């Protein structure tokens, strides 16, 4: 029931302002840190993070999904691709997970205002 109310509140919020974004961070197995955001809007959800060297990795998701687990195909501007597996918090506004890229690189991913400062 809490998931329903969180999703309904998100939908009402999106209707009023167009989109909601939360900060995101990924730390790769080679030590590279990526910063970005997860954004939900009426047209869908997008997750993207960029490293200091300019590599951006991104993926899309169903912004209206109430599922706690999300799986996103991701692609990076340096040619790598892969999948991100995320577990969202009960309020669906943050969470954590992992990513695995085509070259074997893995990353720990965290997102949301409660987990990262804006």
PDB file of N, CA and C in Angstrom:
ATOM      1  N   UNK A   1       0.822  -1.190   0.000  1.00  0.00           N
ATOM      2  CA  UNK A   1       0.000   0.000   0.000  1.00  0.00           C
ATOM      3  C   UNK A   1       0.868   1.256   0.000  1.00  0.00           C
ATOM      4  N   UNK A   2       1.974   1.216   0.767  1.00  0.00           N
ATOM      5  CA  UNK A   2       2.880   2.365   0.791  1.00  0.00           C
ATOM      6  C   UNK A   2       3.441   2.636  -0.600  1.00  0.00           C
ATOM      7  N   UNK A   3       3.752   1.565  -1.349  1.00  0.00           N
ATOM      8  CA  UNK A   3       4.267   1.733  -2.711  1.00  0.00           C
ATOM      9  C   UNK A   3       3.241   2.463  -3.576  1.00  0.00           C
ATOM     10  N   UNK A   4       1.970   2.091  -3.415  1.00  0.00           N
ATOM     11  CA  UNK A   4       0.921   2.734  -4.202  1.00  0.00           C
ATOM     12  C   UNK A   4       0.871   4.232  -3.913  1.00  0.00           C
ATOM     13  N   UNK A   5       0.882   4.585  -2.622  1.00  0.00           N
ATOM     14  CA  UNK A   5       0.813   6.000  -2.264  1.00  0.00           C
ATOM     15  C   UNK A   5       2.052   6.757  -2.732  1.00  0.00           C
ATOM     16  N   UNK A   6       3.227   6.130  -2.642  1.00  0.00           N
ATOM     17  CA  UNK A   6       4.452   6.784  -3.123  1.00  0.00           C
ATOM     18  C   UNK A   6       4.372   7.016  -4.626  1.00  0.00           C
ATOM     19  N   UNK A   7       3.901   6.024  -5.360  1.00  0.00           N
ATOM     20  CA  UNK A   7       3.777   6.168  -6.815  1.00  0.00           C
ATOM     21  C   UNK A   7       2.718   7.215  -7.161  1.00  0.00           C
ATOM     22  N   UNK A   8       1.616   7.215  -6.435  1.00  0.00           N
ATOM     23  CA  UNK A   8       0.558   8.199  -6.687  1.00  0.00           C
ATOM     24  C   UNK A   8       1.055   9.605  -6.387  1.00  0.00           C
ATOM     25  N   UNK A   9       1.786   9.768  -5.290  1.00  0.00           N
ATOM     26  CA  UNK A   9       2.329  11.087  -4.946  1.00  0.00           C
ATOM     27  C   UNK A   9       3.323  11.543  -6.004  1.00  0.00           C
ATOM     28  N   UNK A  10       4.158  10.622  -6.473  1.00  0.00           N
ATOM     29  CA  UNK A  10       5.119  10.966  -7.531  1.00  0.00           C
ATOM     30  C   UNK A  10       4.388  11.398  -8.786  1.00  0.00           C
ATOM     31  N   UNK A  11       3.342  10.661  -9.166  1.00  0.00           N
ATOM     32  CA  UNK A  11       2.579  11.006 -10.366  1.00  0.00           C
ATOM     33  C   UNK A  11       1.935  12.387 -10.228  1.00  0.00           C
ATOM     34  N   UNK A  12       1.368  12.669  -9.058  1.00  0.00           N
ATOM     35  CA  UNK A  12       0.766  13.989  -8.842  1.00  0.00           C
ATOM     36  C   UNK A  12       1.825  15.081  -8.882  1.00  0.00           C
ATOM     37  N   UNK A  13       2.973  14.816  -8.286  1.00  0.00           N
ATOM     38  CA  UNK A  13       4.063  15.795  -8.292  1.00  0.00           C
ATOM     39  C   UNK A  13       4.534  16.050  -9.714  1.00  0.00           C
ATOM     40  N   UNK A  14       4.704  14.986 -10.485  1.00  0.00           N
ATOM     41  CA  UNK A  14       5.162  15.131 -11.865  1.00  0.00           C
ATOM     42  C   UNK A  14       4.164  15.919 -12.700  1.00  0.00           C
ATOM     43  N   UNK A  15       2.884  15.692 -12.436  1.00  0.00           N
ATOM     44  CA  UNK A  15       1.852  16.411 -13.174  1.00  0.00           C
ATOM     45  C   UNK A  15       1.958  17.905 -12.913  1.00  0.00           C
ATOM     46  N   UNK A  16       2.284  18.266 -11.671  1.00  0.00           N
ATOM     47  CA  UNK A  16       2.356  19.675 -11.315  1.00  0.00           C
ATOM     48  C   UNK A  16       3.605  20.373 -11.804  1.00  0.00           C
ATOM     49  N   UNK A  17       4.768  19.699 -11.791  1.00  0.00           N
ATOM     50  CA  UNK A  17       5.992  20.428 -12.113  1.00  0.00           C
ATOM     51  C   UNK A  17       6.764  19.848 -13.290  1.00  0.00           C
ATOM     52  N   UNK A  18       6.347  18.744 -13.834  1.00  0.00           N
ATOM     53  CA  UNK A  18       7.009  18.217 -15.021  1.00  0.00           C
ATOM     54  C   UNK A  18       8.035  17.145 -14.761  1.00  0.00           C
ATOM     55  N   UNK A  19       8.892  17.302 -13.734  1.00  0.00           N
ATOM     56  CA  UNK A  19       9.885  16.282 -13.464  1.00  0.00           C
ATOM     57  C   UNK A  19      10.416  16.410 -12.048  1.00  0.00           C
ATOM     58  N   UNK A  20      11.026  15.328 -11.587  1.00  0.00           N
ATOM     59  CA  UNK A  20      11.706  15.316 -10.295  1.00  0.00           C
ATOM     60  C   UNK A  20      13.046  14.616 -10.500  1.00  0.00           C
ATOM     61  N   UNK A  21      14.099  15.204  -9.937  1.00  0.00           N
ATOM     62  CA  UNK A  21      15.447  14.645 -10.070  1.00  0.00           C
ATOM     63  C   UNK A  21      16.069  14.446  -8.707  1.00  0.00           C
ATOM     64  N   UNK A  22      16.890  13.409  -8.586  1.00  0.00           N
ATOM     65  CA  UNK A  22      17.654  13.156  -7.365  1.00  0.00           C
ATOM     66  C   UNK A  22      19.109  12.913  -7.769  1.00  0.00           C
ATOM     67  N   UNK A  23      20.050  13.232  -6.886  1.00  0.00           N
ATOM     68  CA  UNK A  23      21.456  13.018  -7.212  1.00  0.00           C
ATOM     69  C   UNK A  23      21.795  11.532  -7.301  1.00  0.00           C
ATOM     70  N   UNK A  24      22.819  11.229  -8.102  1.00  0.00           N
ATOM     71  CA  UNK A  24      23.276   9.849  -8.276  1.00  0.00           C
ATOM     72  C   UNK A  24      24.797   9.817  -8.305  1.00  0.00           C
ATOM     73  N   UNK A  25      25.355   8.700  -7.864  1.00  0.00           N
ATOM     74  CA  UNK A  25      26.798   8.511  -7.881  1.00  0.00           C
ATOM     75  C   UNK A  25      27.109   7.051  -8.154  1.00  0.00           C
ATOM     76  N   UNK A  26      28.133   6.814  -8.950  1.00  0.00           N
ATOM     77  CA  UNK A  26      28.606   5.457  -9.207  1.00  0.00           C
ATOM     78  C   UNK A  26      30.116   5.440  -9.001  1.00  0.00           C
ATOM     79  N   UNK A  27      30.589   4.429  -8.287  1.00  0.00           N
ATOM     80  CA  UNK A  27      32.021   4.260  -8.078  1.00  0.00           C
ATOM     81  C   UNK A  27      32.432   2.963  -8.745  1.00  0.00           C
ATOM     82  N   UNK A  28      33.266   3.071  -9.789  1.00  0.00           N
ATOM     83  CA  UNK A  28      33.673   1.910 -10.578  1.00  0.00           C
ATOM     84  C   UNK A  28      34.773   1.121  -9.874  1.00  0.00           C
ATOM     85  N   UNK A  29      34.918  -0.132 -10.288  1.00  0.00           N
ATOM     86  CA  UNK A  29      35.916  -1.022  -9.699  1.00  0.00           C
ATOM     87  C   UNK A  29      37.341  -0.526  -9.899  1.00  0.00           C
ATOM     88  N   UNK A  30      37.571   0.353 -10.879  1.00  0.00           N
ATOM     89  CA  UNK A  30      38.906   0.921 -11.085  1.00  0.00           C
ATOM     90  C   UNK A  30      39.109   2.217 -10.296  1.00  0.00           C
ATOM     91  N   UNK A  31      38.118   2.597  -9.472  1.00  0.00           N
ATOM     92  CA  UNK A  31      38.215   3.790  -8.640  1.00  0.00           C
ATOM     93  C   UNK A  31      37.614   5.040  -9.241  1.00  0.00           C
ATOM     94  N   UNK A  32      37.224   5.001 -10.501  1.00  0.00           N
ATOM     95  CA  UNK A  32      36.620   6.166 -11.146  1.00  0.00           C
ATOM     96  C   UNK A  32      35.261   6.456 -10.503  1.00  0.00           C
ATOM     97  N   UNK A  33      35.038   7.721 -10.180  1.00  0.00           N
ATOM     98  CA  UNK A  33      33.767   8.139  -9.586  1.00  0.00           C
ATOM     99  C   UNK A  33      32.981   8.932 -10.628  1.00  0.00           C
ATOM    100  N   UNK A  34      31.722   8.590 -10.771  1.00  0.00           N
ATOM    101  CA  UNK A  34      30.800   9.246 -11.692  1.00  0.00           C
ATOM    102  C   UNK A  34      29.726   9.952 -10.864  1.00  0.00           C
ATOM    103  N   UNK A  35      29.338  11.155 -11.280  1.00  0.00           N
ATOM    104  CA  UNK A  35      28.272  11.901 -10.615  1.00  0.00           C
ATOM    105  C   UNK A  35      27.194  12.258 -11.631  1.00  0.00           C
ATOM    106  N   UNK A  36      25.957  12.284 -11.185  1.00  0.00           N
ATOM    107  CA  UNK A  36      24.876  12.641 -12.092  1.00  0.00           C
ATOM    108  C   UNK A  36      23.554  12.692 -11.365  1.00  0.00           C
ATOM    109  N   UNK A  37      22.508  12.238 -12.066  1.00  0.00           N
ATOM    110  CA  UNK A  37      21.188  12.265 -11.452  1.00  0.00           C
ATOM    111  C   UNK A  37      20.260  11.252 -12.098  1.00  0.00           C
ATOM    112  N   UNK A  38      19.216  10.952 -11.361  1.00  0.00           N
ATOM    113  CA  UNK A  38      18.101  10.153 -11.867  1.00  0.00           C
ATOM    114  C   UNK A  38      16.919  11.114 -11.957  1.00  0.00           C
ATOM    115  N   UNK A  39      16.270  11.125 -13.113  1.00  0.00           N
ATOM    116  CA  UNK A  39      15.167  12.047 -13.345  1.00  0.00           C
ATOM    117  C   UNK A  39      13.933  11.279 -13.798  1.00  0.00           C
ATOM    118  N   UNK A  40      12.811  11.566 -13.159  1.00  0.00           N
ATOM    119  CA  UNK A  40      11.531  10.983 -13.561  1.00  0.00           C
ATOM    120  C   UNK A  40      10.644  12.104 -14.083  1.00  0.00           C
ATOM    121  N   UNK A  41      10.003  11.861 -15.215  1.00  0.00           N
ATOM    122  CA  UNK A  41       9.086  12.847 -15.784  1.00  0.00           C
ATOM    123  C   UNK A  41       7.906  12.100 -16.401  1.00  0.00           C
ATOM    124  N   UNK A  42       6.949  12.847 -16.904  1.00  0.00           N
ATOM    125  CA  UNK A  42       5.783  12.235 -17.535  1.00  0.00           C
ATOM    126  C   UNK A  42       6.184  11.413 -18.760  1.00  0.00           C
ATOM    127  N   UNK A  43       7.303  11.761 -19.379  1.00  0.00           N
ATOM    128  CA  UNK A  43       7.739  11.037 -20.579  1.00  0.00           C
ATOM    129  C   UNK A  43       8.623   9.833 -20.271  1.00  0.00           C
ATOM    130  N   UNK A  44       8.997   9.630 -18.997  1.00  0.00           N
ATOM    131  CA  UNK A  44       9.801   8.470 -18.630  1.00  0.00           C
ATOM    132  C   UNK A  44      10.898   8.830 -17.650  1.00  0.00           C
ATOM    133  N   UNK A  45      11.725   7.843 -17.348  1.00  0.00           N
ATOM    134  CA  UNK A  45      12.816   8.055 -16.410  1.00  0.00           C
ATOM    135  C   UNK A  45      14.162   7.923 -17.096  1.00  0.00           C
ATOM    136  N   UNK A  46      15.125   8.697 -16.620  1.00  0.00           N
ATOM    137  CA  UNK A  46      16.476   8.635 -17.167  1.00  0.00           C
ATOM    138  C   UNK A  46      17.472   8.694 -16.022  1.00  0.00           C
ATOM    139  N   UNK A  47      18.495   7.860 -16.129  1.00  0.00           N
ATOM    140  CA  UNK A  47      19.573   7.813 -15.149  1.00  0.00           C
ATOM    141  C   UNK A  47      20.854   8.103 -15.899  1.00  0.00           C
ATOM    142  N   UNK A  48      21.647   9.069 -15.431  1.00  0.00           N
ATOM    143  CA  UNK A  48      22.936   9.294 -16.081  1.00  0.00           C
ATOM    144  C   UNK A  48      23.975   9.750 -15.068  1.00  0.00           C
ATOM    145  N   UNK A  49      25.205   9.340 -15.306  1.00  0.00           N
ATOM    146  CA  UNK A  49      26.341   9.743 -14.488  1.00  0.00           C
ATOM    147  C   UNK A  49      27.525  10.022 -15.413  1.00  0.00           C
ATOM    148  N   UNK A  50      28.365  10.991 -15.021  1.00  0.00           N
ATOM    149  CA  UNK A  50      29.516  11.392 -15.823  1.00  0.00           C
ATOM    150  C   UNK A  50      30.762  11.419 -14.950  1.00  0.00           C
ATOM    151  N   UNK A  51      31.884  10.918 -15.484  1.00  0.00           N
ATOM    152  CA  UNK A  51      33.153  10.927 -14.761  1.00  0.00           C
ATOM    153  C   UNK A  51      33.881  12.250 -14.991  1.00  0.00           C
ATOM    154  N   UNK A  52      34.930  12.480 -14.199  1.00  0.00           N
ATOM    155  CA  UNK A  52      35.749  13.689 -14.387  1.00  0.00           C
ATOM    156  C   UNK A  52      36.414  13.716 -15.754  1.00  0.00           C
ATOM    157  N   UNK A  53      36.653  12.528 -16.342  1.00  0.00           N
ATOM    158  CA  UNK A  53      37.288  12.480 -17.666  1.00  0.00           C
ATOM    159  C   UNK A  53      36.276  12.677 -18.799  1.00  0.00           C
ATOM    160  N   UNK A  54      34.991  12.832 -18.448  1.00  0.00           N
ATOM    161  CA  UNK A  54      33.974  13.128 -19.451  1.00  0.00           C
ATOM    162  C   UNK A  54      33.188  11.952 -19.988  1.00  0.00           C
ATOM    163  N   UNK A  55      33.422  10.745 -19.471  1.00  0.00           N
ATOM    164  CA  UNK A  55      32.649   9.581 -19.908  1.00  0.00           C
ATOM    165  C   UNK A  55      31.282   9.625 -19.227  1.00  0.00           C
ATOM    166  N   UNK A  56      30.229   9.523 -20.015  1.00  0.00           N
ATOM    167  CA  UNK A  56      28.865   9.495 -19.481  1.00  0.00           C
ATOM    168  C   UNK A  56      28.252   8.130 -19.734  1.00  0.00           C
ATOM    169  N   UNK A  57      27.622   7.583 -18.702  1.00  0.00           N
ATOM    170  CA  UNK A  57      26.874   6.331 -18.826  1.00  0.00           C
ATOM    171  C   UNK A  57      25.427   6.634 -18.469  1.00  0.00           C
ATOM    172  N   UNK A  58      24.501   6.099 -19.263  1.00  0.00           N
ATOM    173  CA  UNK A  58      23.097   6.423 -19.035  1.00  0.00           C
ATOM    174  C   UNK A  58      22.188   5.267 -19.407  1.00  0.00           C
ATOM    175  N   UNK A  59      20.972   5.348 -18.884  1.00  0.00           N
ATOM    176  CA  UNK A  59      19.947   4.367 -19.199  1.00  0.00           C
ATOM    177  C   UNK A  59      18.580   4.954 -18.907  1.00  0.00           C
ATOM    178  N   UNK A  60      17.550   4.285 -19.371  1.00  0.00           N
ATOM    179  CA  UNK A  60      16.181   4.742 -19.139  1.00  0.00           C
ATOM    180  C   UNK A  60      15.402   3.686 -18.379  1.00  0.00           C
ATOM    181  N   UNK A  61      14.340   4.131 -17.719  1.00  0.00           N
ATOM    182  CA  UNK A  61      13.497   3.223 -16.936  1.00  0.00           C
ATOM    183  C   UNK A  61      12.062   3.732 -16.942  1.00  0.00           C
ATOM    184  N   UNK A  62      11.155   2.883 -16.515  1.00  0.00           N
ATOM    185  CA  UNK A  62       9.741   3.240 -16.410  1.00  0.00           C
ATOM    186  C   UNK A  62       9.552   4.085 -15.157  1.00  0.00           C
ATOM    187  N   UNK A  63       9.320   5.368 -15.327  1.00  0.00           N
ATOM    188  CA  UNK A  63       9.203   6.291 -14.200  1.00  0.00           C
ATOM    189  C   UNK A  63       7.982   6.008 -13.327  1.00  0.00           C
ATOM    190  N   UNK A  64       7.014   5.270 -13.836  1.00  0.00           N
ATOM    191  CA  UNK A  64       5.800   4.987 -13.062  1.00  0.00           C
ATOM    192  C   UNK A  64       5.796   3.598 -12.440  1.00  0.00           C
ATOM    193  N   UNK A  65       6.885   2.862 -12.603  1.00  0.00           N
ATOM    194  CA  UNK A  65       6.983   1.538 -11.991  1.00  0.00           C
ATOM    195  C   UNK A  65       7.008   1.675 -10.468  1.00  0.00           C
ATOM    196  N   UNK A  66       6.271   0.812  -9.792  1.00  0.00           N
ATOM    197  CA  UNK A  66       6.273   0.782  -8.334  1.00  0.00           C
ATOM    198  C   UNK A  66       7.159  -0.346  -7.819  1.00  0.00           C
ATOM    199  N   UNK A  67       7.832  -1.028  -8.717  1.00  0.00           N
ATOM    200  CA  UNK A  67       8.713  -2.127  -8.318  1.00  0.00           C
ATOM    201  C   UNK A  67       9.915  -1.595  -7.541  1.00  0.00           C
ATOM    202  N   UNK A  68      10.310  -2.332  -6.513  1.00  0.00           N
ATOM    203  CA  UNK A  68      11.501  -1.930  -5.756  1.00  0.00           C
ATOM    204  C   UNK A  68      12.769  -2.223  -6.546  1.00  0.00           C
ATOM    205  N   UNK A  69      12.747  -3.250  -7.383  1.00  0.00           N
ATOM    206  CA  UNK A  69      13.926  -3.607  -8.177  1.00  0.00           C
ATOM    207  C   UNK A  69      13.772  -3.093  -9.606  1.00  0.00           C
ATOM    208  N   UNK A  70      14.809  -2.417 -10.072  1.00  0.00           N
ATOM    209  CA  UNK A  70      14.837  -1.921 -11.442  1.00  0.00           C
ATOM    210  C   UNK A  70      16.069  -2.474 -12.147  1.00  0.00           C
ATOM    211  N   UNK A  71      15.902  -2.847 -13.401  1.00  0.00           N
ATOM    212  CA  UNK A  71      17.010  -3.305 -14.234  1.00  0.00           C
ATOM    213  C   UNK A  71      17.049  -2.405 -15.461  1.00  0.00           C
ATOM    214  N   UNK A  72      18.172  -1.734 -15.654  1.00  0.00           N
ATOM    215  CA  UNK A  72      18.299  -0.791 -16.759  1.00  0.00           C
ATOM    216  C   UNK A  72      19.439  -1.192 -17.679  1.00  0.00           C
ATOM    217  N   UNK A  73      19.178  -1.303 -18.970  1.00  0.00           N
ATOM    218  CA  UNK A  73      20.303  -1.405 -19.900  1.00  0.00           C
ATOM    219  C   UNK A  73      20.986  -0.036 -19.924  1.00  0.00           C
ATOM    220  N   UNK A  74      22.308  -0.019 -19.920  1.00  0.00           N
ATOM    221  CA  UNK A  74      23.033   1.239 -19.939  1.00  0.00           C
ATOM    222  C   UNK A  74      24.050   1.254 -21.077  1.00  0.00           C
ATOM    223  N   UNK A  75      24.362   2.447 -21.529  1.00  0.00           N
ATOM    224  CA  UNK A  75      25.415   2.613 -22.540  1.00  0.00           C
ATOM    225  C   UNK A  75      26.252   3.816 -22.142  1.00  0.00           C
ATOM    226  N   UNK A  76      27.530   3.760 -22.536  1.00  0.00           N
ATOM    227  CA  UNK A  76      28.478   4.809 -22.178  1.00  0.00           C
ATOM    228  C   UNK A  76      29.047   5.438 -23.443  1.00  0.00           C
ATOM    229  N   UNK A  77      29.461   6.684 -23.318  1.00  0.00           N
ATOM    230  CA  UNK A  77      29.982   7.415 -24.467  1.00  0.00           C
ATOM    231  C   UNK A  77      31.333   6.890 -24.946  1.00  0.00           C
ATOM    232  N   UNK A  78      31.991   6.021 -24.159  1.00  0.00           N
ATOM    233  CA  UNK A  78      33.263   5.433 -24.591  1.00  0.00           C
ATOM    234  C   UNK A  78      33.075   4.078 -25.274  1.00  0.00           C
ATOM    235  N   UNK A  79      31.812   3.727 -25.569  1.00  0.00           N
ATOM    236  CA  UNK A  79      31.520   2.502 -26.303  1.00  0.00           C
ATOM    237  C   UNK A  79      31.113   1.317 -25.445  1.00  0.00           C
ATOM    238  N   UNK A  80      31.295   1.407 -24.152  1.00  0.00           N
ATOM    239  CA  UNK A  80      30.893   0.301 -23.279  1.00  0.00           C
ATOM    240  C   UNK A  80      29.383   0.293 -23.105  1.00  0.00           C
ATOM    241  N   UNK A  81      28.860  -0.877 -22.774  1.00  0.00           N
ATOM    242  CA  UNK A  81      27.441  -1.022 -22.472  1.00  0.00           C
ATOM    243  C   UNK A  81      27.326  -2.029 -21.342  1.00  0.00           C
ATOM    244  N   UNK A  82      26.120  -2.188 -20.823  1.00  0.00           N
ATOM    245  CA  UNK A  82      25.938  -3.139 -19.738  1.00  0.00           C
ATOM    246  C   UNK A  82      24.572  -3.042 -19.131  1.00  0.00           C
ATOM    247  N   UNK A  83      24.495  -3.440 -17.853  1.00  0.00           N
ATOM    248  CA  UNK A  83      23.220  -3.422 -17.146  1.00  0.00           C
ATOM    249  C   UNK A  83      23.420  -2.928 -15.726  1.00  0.00           C
ATOM    250  N   UNK A  84      22.430  -2.183 -15.254  1.00  0.00           N
ATOM    251  CA  UNK A  84      22.405  -1.699 -13.889  1.00  0.00           C
ATOM    252  C   UNK A  84      21.241  -2.391 -13.180  1.00  0.00           C
ATOM    253  N   UNK A  85      21.495  -2.888 -11.977  1.00  0.00           N
ATOM    254  CA  UNK A  85      20.460  -3.503 -11.153  1.00  0.00           C
ATOM    255  C   UNK A  85      20.331  -2.662  -9.883  1.00  0.00           C
ATOM    256  N   UNK A  86      19.165  -2.075  -9.663  1.00  0.00           N
ATOM    257  CA  UNK A  86      18.953  -1.171  -8.539  1.00  0.00           C
ATOM    258  C   UNK A  86      17.850  -1.676  -7.629  1.00  0.00           C
ATOM    259  N   UNK A  87      18.005  -1.436  -6.336  1.00  0.00           N
ATOM    260  CA  UNK A  87      16.955  -1.700  -5.354  1.00  0.00           C
ATOM    261  C   UNK A  87      16.586  -0.352  -4.754  1.00  0.00           C
ATOM    262  N   UNK A  88      15.321   0.038  -4.935  1.00  0.00           N
ATOM    263  CA  UNK A  88      14.878   1.346  -4.471  1.00  0.00           C
ATOM    264  C   UNK A  88      14.413   1.289  -3.021  1.00  0.00           C
ATOM    265  N   UNK A  89      14.523   2.449  -2.358  1.00  0.00           N
ATOM    266  CA  UNK A  89      14.017   2.598  -1.001  1.00  0.00           C
ATOM    267  C   UNK A  89      12.495   2.480  -1.028  1.00  0.00           C
ATOM    268  N   UNK A  90      11.894   2.324   0.149  1.00  0.00           N
ATOM    269  CA  UNK A  90      10.438   2.178   0.217  1.00  0.00           C
ATOM    270  C   UNK A  90       9.684   3.351  -0.390  1.00  0.00           C
ATOM    271  N   UNK A  91      10.252   4.557  -0.315  1.00  0.00           N
ATOM    272  CA  UNK A  91       9.579   5.720  -0.898  1.00  0.00           C
ATOM    273  C   UNK A  91       9.846   5.860  -2.398  1.00  0.00           C
ATOM    274  N   UNK A  92      10.628   4.946  -2.967  1.00  0.00           N
ATOM    275  CA  UNK A  92      10.965   4.889  -4.391  1.00  0.00           C
ATOM    276  C   UNK A  92      11.769   6.093  -4.878  1.00  0.00           C
ATOM    277  N   UNK A  93      12.284   6.907  -3.970  1.00  0.00           N
ATOM    278  CA  UNK A  93      12.995   8.130  -4.335  1.00  0.00           C
ATOM    279  C   UNK A  93      14.510   8.024  -4.165  1.00  0.00           C
ATOM    280  N   UNK A  94      15.007   6.849  -3.924  1.00  0.00           N
ATOM    281  CA  UNK A  94      16.441   6.630  -3.758  1.00  0.00           C
ATOM    282  C   UNK A  94      16.701   5.143  -3.700  1.00  0.00           C
ATOM    283  N   UNK A  95      17.970   4.782  -3.605  1.00  0.00           N
ATOM    284  CA  UNK A  95      18.320   3.381  -3.492  1.00  0.00           C
ATOM    285  C   UNK A  95      19.771   3.142  -3.821  1.00  0.00           C
ATOM    286  N   UNK A  96      20.087   1.886  -4.075  1.00  0.00           N
ATOM    287  CA  UNK A  96      21.452   1.511  -4.401  1.00  0.00           C
ATOM    288  C   UNK A  96      21.446   0.267  -5.262  1.00  0.00           C
ATOM    289  N   UNK A  97      22.594  -0.034  -5.815  1.00  0.00           N
ATOM    290  CA  UNK A  97      22.696  -1.219  -6.650  1.00  0.00           C
ATOM    291  C   UNK A  97      24.065  -1.345  -7.269  1.00  0.00           C
ATOM    292  N   UNK A  98      24.126  -2.108  -8.339  1.00  0.00           N
ATOM    293  CA  UNK A  98      25.384  -2.364  -9.026  1.00  0.00           C
ATOM    294  C   UNK A  98      25.192  -2.215 -10.526  1.00  0.00           C
ATOM    295  N   UNK A  99      26.318  -1.990 -11.190  1.00  0.00           N
ATOM    296  CA  UNK A  99      26.330  -1.960 -12.652  1.00  0.00           C
ATOM    297  C   UNK A  99      27.474  -2.847 -13.119  1.00  0.00           C
ATOM    298  N   UNK A 100      27.275  -3.485 -14.256  1.00  0.00           N
ATOM    299  CA  UNK A 100      28.343  -4.266 -14.862  1.00  0.00           C
ATOM    300  C   UNK A 100      28.416  -3.886 -16.333  1.00  0.00           C
ATOM    301  N   UNK A 101      29.631  -3.523 -16.773  1.00  0.00           N
ATOM    302  CA  UNK A 101      29.835  -3.077 -18.148  1.00  0.00           C
ATOM    303  C   UNK A 101      30.484  -4.167 -18.988  1.00  0.00           C
ATOM    304  N   UNK A 102      30.414  -3.989 -20.296  1.00  0.00           N
ATOM    305  CA  UNK A 102      30.867  -4.995 -21.261  1.00  0.00           C
ATOM    306  C   UNK A 102      32.348  -5.338 -21.162  1.00  0.00           C
ATOM    307  N   UNK A 103      33.161  -4.453 -20.579  1.00  0.00           N
ATOM    308  CA  UNK A 103      34.593  -4.749 -20.440  1.00  0.00           C
ATOM    309  C   UNK A 103      34.930  -5.394 -19.103  1.00  0.00           C
ATOM    310  N   UNK A 104      33.889  -5.730 -18.308  1.00  0.00           N
ATOM    311  CA  UNK A 104      34.104  -6.363 -17.013  1.00  0.00           C
ATOM    312  C   UNK A 104      34.130  -5.395 -15.843  1.00  0.00           C
ATOM    313  N   UNK A 105      34.132  -4.104 -16.118  1.00  0.00           N
ATOM    314  CA  UNK A 105      34.094  -3.112 -15.048  1.00  0.00           C
ATOM    315  C   UNK A 105      32.777  -3.230 -14.293  1.00  0.00           C
ATOM    316  N   UNK A 106      32.854  -3.174 -12.980  1.00  0.00           N
ATOM    317  CA  UNK A 106      31.656  -3.153 -12.140  1.00  0.00           C
ATOM    318  C   UNK A 106      31.625  -1.824 -11.394  1.00  0.00           C
ATOM    319  N   UNK A 107      30.460  -1.468 -10.874  1.00  0.00           N
ATOM    320  CA  UNK A 107      30.333  -0.218 -10.125  1.00  0.00           C
ATOM    321  C   UNK A 107      29.272  -0.364  -9.043  1.00  0.00           C
ATOM    322  N   UNK A 108      29.482   0.332  -7.948  1.00  0.00           N
ATOM    323  CA  UNK A 108      28.475   0.470  -6.900  1.00  0.00           C
ATOM    324  C   UNK A 108      27.735   1.767  -7.200  1.00  0.00           C
ATOM    325  N   UNK A 109      26.419   1.717  -7.191  1.00  0.00           N
ATOM    326  CA  UNK A 109      25.577   2.861  -7.546  1.00  0.00           C
ATOM    327  C   UNK A 109      24.716   3.237  -6.353  1.00  0.00           C
ATOM    328  N   UNK A 110      24.638   4.531  -6.038  1.00  0.00           N
ATOM    329  CA  UNK A 110      23.713   5.032  -5.024  1.00  0.00           C
ATOM    330  C   UNK A 110      23.011   6.260  -5.595  1.00  0.00           C
ATOM    331  N   UNK A 111      21.771   6.466  -5.184  1.00  0.00           N
ATOM    332  CA  UNK A 111      21.023   7.631  -5.665  1.00  0.00           C
ATOM    333  C   UNK A 111      19.960   8.027  -4.668  1.00  0.00           C
ATOM    334  N   UNK A 112      19.585   9.300  -4.706  1.00  0.00           N
ATOM    335  CA  UNK A 112      18.532   9.819  -3.845  1.00  0.00           C
ATOM    336  C   UNK A 112      19.049  10.869  -2.870  1.00  0.00           C
ATOM    337  N   UNK A 113      18.172  11.791  -2.510  1.00  0.00           N
ATOM    338  CA  UNK A 113      18.524  12.880  -1.591  1.00  0.00           C
ATOM    339  C   UNK A 113      18.914  12.374  -0.203  1.00  0.00           C
ATOM    340  N   UNK A 114      18.327  11.274   0.252  1.00  0.00           N
ATOM    341  CA  UNK A 114      18.643  10.738   1.571  1.00  0.00           C
ATOM    342  C   UNK A 114      20.030  10.105   1.617  1.00  0.00           C
ATOM    343  N   UNK A 115      20.529   9.689   0.460  1.00  0.00           N
ATOM    344  CA  UNK A 115      21.818   8.995   0.398  1.00  0.00           C
ATOM    345  C   UNK A 115      22.958   9.894  -0.048  1.00  0.00           C
ATOM    346  N   UNK A 116      22.641  10.944  -0.793  1.00  0.00           N
ATOM    347  CA  UNK A 116      23.651  11.864  -1.337  1.00  0.00           C
ATOM    348  C   UNK A 116      23.192  13.297  -1.148  1.00  0.00           C
ATOM    349  N   UNK A 117      24.099  14.193  -0.810  1.00  0.00           N
ATOM    350  CA  UNK A 117      23.698  15.605  -0.774  1.00  0.00           C
ATOM    351  C   UNK A 117      23.444  16.100  -2.187  1.00  0.00           C
ATOM    352  N   UNK A 118      22.525  17.007  -2.343  1.00  0.00           N
ATOM    353  CA  UNK A 118      22.204  17.556  -3.663  1.00  0.00           C
ATOM    354  C   UNK A 118      23.337  18.366  -4.231  1.00  0.00           C
TER     355      UNK A 118
END
